N, C-alpha and C. Protein backbone atom coordinates (compact mmCIF):
# COMPACT_ATOMS: atom_id res chain seq x y z
N MET A 1 0.89 -1.29 -0.05
CA MET A 1 -0.05 0.06 0.09
C MET A 1 0.79 1.15 -0.03
N ASP A 2 0.42 2.26 -0.82
CA ASP A 2 1.26 3.44 -0.88
C ASP A 2 1.18 4.29 0.30
N GLU A 3 2.09 4.96 0.73
CA GLU A 3 2.16 5.87 1.98
C GLU A 3 1.16 7.07 1.61
N LYS A 4 0.23 7.14 2.31
CA LYS A 4 -0.58 8.64 2.35
C LYS A 4 -0.02 9.72 3.25
N LYS A 5 -0.12 10.94 2.53
CA LYS A 5 0.41 11.94 3.30
C LYS A 5 -0.79 13.03 3.65
N VAL A 6 -1.01 13.18 5.16
CA VAL A 6 -1.93 14.14 5.51
C VAL A 6 -1.36 15.34 6.16
N ILE A 7 -1.86 16.57 5.72
CA ILE A 7 -1.33 17.89 6.42
C ILE A 7 -2.55 18.36 7.13
N VAL A 8 -2.09 18.67 8.31
CA VAL A 8 -3.08 19.38 9.33
C VAL A 8 -2.75 20.74 9.67
N VAL A 9 -3.53 21.71 9.08
CA VAL A 9 -3.32 23.03 9.06
C VAL A 9 -3.73 23.65 10.45
N GLY A 10 -2.91 24.32 10.90
CA GLY A 10 -3.20 24.87 12.35
C GLY A 10 -2.63 24.18 13.47
N GLY A 11 -1.92 24.82 14.43
CA GLY A 11 -1.41 24.08 15.50
C GLY A 11 -1.93 24.52 16.69
N GLY A 12 -3.56 24.87 16.79
CA GLY A 12 -4.19 25.04 18.07
C GLY A 12 -4.70 23.77 18.64
N ILE A 13 -5.34 23.65 19.66
CA ILE A 13 -5.72 22.45 20.31
C ILE A 13 -6.65 21.52 19.37
N THR A 14 -7.06 21.88 18.28
CA THR A 14 -7.88 20.90 17.61
C THR A 14 -6.82 20.36 16.45
N GLY A 15 -5.94 21.21 15.91
CA GLY A 15 -4.99 20.61 15.02
C GLY A 15 -4.13 19.62 15.61
N LEU A 16 -3.78 20.16 17.01
CA LEU A 16 -2.83 19.13 17.69
C LEU A 16 -3.52 17.98 17.92
N ALA A 17 -4.50 17.63 18.46
CA ALA A 17 -5.27 16.74 18.89
C ALA A 17 -5.39 15.85 17.48
N THR A 18 -5.92 16.51 16.33
CA THR A 18 -6.21 15.61 15.24
C THR A 18 -4.84 15.03 14.62
N ALA A 19 -3.85 15.87 14.80
CA ALA A 19 -2.52 15.32 14.26
C ALA A 19 -1.99 14.03 15.30
N TYR A 20 -2.32 14.17 16.51
CA TYR A 20 -1.81 13.39 17.38
C TYR A 20 -2.56 12.21 17.11
N TYR A 21 -3.93 12.11 17.19
CA TYR A 21 -4.66 10.86 17.19
C TYR A 21 -4.91 10.31 15.60
N LEU A 22 -4.35 10.95 14.55
CA LEU A 22 -4.29 10.28 13.32
C LEU A 22 -3.10 9.55 13.40
N GLN A 23 -1.86 10.20 13.93
CA GLN A 23 -0.54 9.60 13.86
C GLN A 23 -0.74 8.15 14.91
N LYS A 24 -1.50 8.43 15.84
CA LYS A 24 -1.62 7.29 17.13
C LYS A 24 -2.18 6.11 16.35
N GLU A 25 -3.30 6.48 15.70
CA GLU A 25 -4.23 5.25 14.77
C GLU A 25 -3.38 4.86 13.88
N ALA A 26 -2.55 5.56 13.21
CA ALA A 26 -1.90 4.92 12.02
C ALA A 26 -0.80 3.92 12.59
N ARG A 27 -0.21 4.36 13.58
CA ARG A 27 0.91 3.28 14.24
C ARG A 27 0.21 2.16 14.64
N GLU A 28 -0.87 2.21 15.49
CA GLU A 28 -1.61 0.98 16.00
C GLU A 28 -2.00 0.12 15.23
N LYS A 29 -2.49 0.71 13.85
CA LYS A 29 -3.02 -0.45 12.80
C LYS A 29 -2.05 -0.52 11.73
N GLN A 30 -0.63 -0.02 11.89
CA GLN A 30 0.24 -0.03 11.12
C GLN A 30 -0.21 0.35 9.63
N LEU A 31 -1.01 1.41 9.71
CA LEU A 31 -1.04 2.21 8.42
C LEU A 31 0.03 2.95 7.81
N PRO A 32 0.28 3.11 6.60
CA PRO A 32 1.17 4.03 6.05
C PRO A 32 0.75 5.32 5.73
N ILE A 33 0.72 6.16 6.95
CA ILE A 33 0.24 7.44 6.89
C ILE A 33 1.34 8.25 7.65
N LYS A 34 1.65 9.40 6.92
CA LYS A 34 2.59 10.15 7.26
C LYS A 34 1.94 11.63 7.74
N VAL A 35 1.84 12.02 8.92
CA VAL A 35 1.01 13.21 9.23
C VAL A 35 1.95 14.69 9.52
N LYS A 36 1.85 15.78 9.03
CA LYS A 36 2.47 16.79 8.81
C LYS A 36 1.75 17.79 9.66
N LEU A 37 1.98 18.54 10.54
CA LEU A 37 1.70 19.77 10.86
C LEU A 37 2.02 21.04 10.63
N ILE A 38 1.18 22.05 10.01
CA ILE A 38 1.47 23.22 9.67
C ILE A 38 1.01 24.37 10.56
N GLU A 39 1.82 25.30 11.20
CA GLU A 39 1.45 26.29 12.06
C GLU A 39 1.94 27.65 11.35
N ALA A 40 1.10 28.64 11.39
CA ALA A 40 1.58 29.80 10.72
C ALA A 40 2.44 30.90 11.67
N SER A 41 2.36 30.73 13.05
CA SER A 41 2.90 31.40 14.22
C SER A 41 4.22 30.48 14.69
N ASP A 42 4.73 31.35 15.38
CA ASP A 42 6.20 30.88 15.83
C ASP A 42 5.96 29.73 17.14
N ARG A 43 4.85 29.46 17.59
CA ARG A 43 4.39 28.68 18.62
C ARG A 43 2.94 27.81 18.43
N LEU A 44 2.86 26.67 18.90
CA LEU A 44 1.68 25.90 18.90
C LEU A 44 0.87 26.40 20.10
N GLY A 45 -0.58 25.95 20.02
CA GLY A 45 -1.35 26.02 21.11
C GLY A 45 -2.37 27.14 20.69
N GLY A 46 -2.51 27.52 19.63
CA GLY A 46 -3.38 28.67 19.18
C GLY A 46 -3.82 29.85 20.31
N VAL A 47 -5.11 29.98 20.81
CA VAL A 47 -5.21 30.85 21.67
C VAL A 47 -5.02 30.59 23.05
N ILE A 48 -4.47 29.16 23.26
CA ILE A 48 -4.23 28.78 24.53
C ILE A 48 -2.76 29.06 24.89
N SER A 49 -2.44 29.50 25.96
CA SER A 49 -1.00 29.71 26.29
C SER A 49 -0.72 29.83 27.62
N THR A 50 0.66 29.65 28.02
CA THR A 50 1.10 29.88 29.39
C THR A 50 1.97 31.14 29.54
N GLU A 51 1.64 31.78 30.46
CA GLU A 51 2.84 33.02 30.47
C GLU A 51 3.56 33.01 31.87
N LYS A 52 4.73 32.92 32.11
CA LYS A 52 5.47 32.78 33.54
C LYS A 52 5.81 33.99 33.91
N ARG A 53 5.45 34.52 34.82
CA ARG A 53 5.84 35.80 35.90
C ARG A 53 6.30 35.16 37.10
N ASP A 54 7.46 35.27 37.12
CA ASP A 54 8.34 35.00 38.60
C ASP A 54 7.90 33.60 38.84
N ALA A 55 7.07 33.29 40.03
CA ALA A 55 6.74 32.11 40.49
C ALA A 55 5.60 31.56 39.99
N LEU A 56 4.79 32.27 39.15
CA LEU A 56 3.15 32.10 38.74
C LEU A 56 3.39 31.75 37.39
N SER A 57 2.46 30.75 36.94
CA SER A 57 2.11 30.41 35.61
C SER A 57 0.63 30.82 35.29
N LEU A 58 0.72 31.83 34.45
CA LEU A 58 -0.67 32.20 34.01
C LEU A 58 -1.41 31.56 32.72
N LYS A 59 -2.20 30.83 32.97
CA LYS A 59 -3.13 30.24 31.81
C LYS A 59 -4.03 31.17 31.06
N GLU A 60 -3.70 31.27 29.74
CA GLU A 60 -4.53 32.04 28.91
C GLU A 60 -5.49 31.25 27.86
N GLY A 61 -6.62 31.69 27.56
CA GLY A 61 -7.47 30.92 26.49
C GLY A 61 -8.73 31.57 26.35
N ARG A 62 -9.30 31.10 25.29
CA ARG A 62 -10.52 31.47 24.68
C ARG A 62 -11.56 31.02 25.72
N ILE A 63 -12.66 32.01 26.25
CA ILE A 63 -13.80 31.55 26.80
C ILE A 63 -14.97 31.03 25.96
N LEU A 64 -15.63 30.33 26.08
CA LEU A 64 -16.96 30.20 25.26
C LEU A 64 -18.10 30.72 25.96
N SER A 65 -18.78 31.62 25.33
CA SER A 65 -19.79 32.15 25.84
C SER A 65 -21.04 31.98 24.94
N CYS A 66 -21.99 31.27 25.48
CA CYS A 66 -23.38 31.19 24.78
C CYS A 66 -24.36 31.03 25.33
N GLU A 67 -25.54 31.04 24.91
CA GLU A 67 -26.87 30.82 25.60
C GLU A 67 -27.17 29.26 25.77
N LYS A 68 -27.84 28.85 26.75
CA LYS A 68 -27.82 27.53 27.26
C LYS A 68 -28.10 26.59 26.16
N ASN A 69 -29.31 26.81 25.09
CA ASN A 69 -29.42 26.12 24.02
C ASN A 69 -28.27 26.00 23.08
N GLU A 70 -27.85 26.80 22.78
CA GLU A 70 -26.42 27.04 21.93
C GLU A 70 -25.55 25.85 22.48
N CYS A 71 -25.23 25.80 23.80
CA CYS A 71 -24.17 25.35 24.51
C CYS A 71 -24.39 23.63 24.21
N ASP A 72 -25.84 23.42 24.60
CA ASP A 72 -26.42 21.95 24.59
C ASP A 72 -26.02 21.45 23.22
N GLU A 73 -26.50 22.38 22.04
CA GLU A 73 -26.21 21.82 20.68
C GLU A 73 -24.84 21.78 20.31
N ILE A 74 -23.93 22.27 21.01
CA ILE A 74 -22.58 22.19 20.70
C ILE A 74 -21.87 20.74 21.43
N ASP A 75 -22.53 20.46 22.60
CA ASP A 75 -22.36 19.50 23.20
C ASP A 75 -22.78 18.18 22.35
N ARG A 76 -23.99 18.22 21.86
CA ARG A 76 -24.56 16.97 21.04
C ARG A 76 -23.68 16.93 19.82
N ARG A 77 -23.24 17.90 19.33
CA ARG A 77 -22.37 17.47 17.97
C ARG A 77 -20.89 17.26 18.31
N SER A 78 -20.47 17.58 19.40
CA SER A 78 -19.11 17.50 19.81
C SER A 78 -18.83 16.01 20.39
N TRP A 79 -19.57 15.43 20.92
CA TRP A 79 -19.45 14.24 21.76
C TRP A 79 -20.23 13.07 21.47
N PRO A 80 -19.56 12.19 21.23
CA PRO A 80 -20.38 10.68 20.58
C PRO A 80 -21.54 10.08 21.42
């Protein structure tokens, strides 16, 4: 079987998880898949980051804000 090449665009949490699980699945099932992650910025994580100040680690990220029905719909679509 010819090697398949997959490019994951974006090194945010979704891109990182996608690349990780694709590669994990390929290894476990011995599938000839090569995964490459492309990120435009100089760091991974997207909007999620950690800033260190002295002895403190400050976590930064986006907060999801929506009405209850919208959040329920997101949950239904996101989880099996």
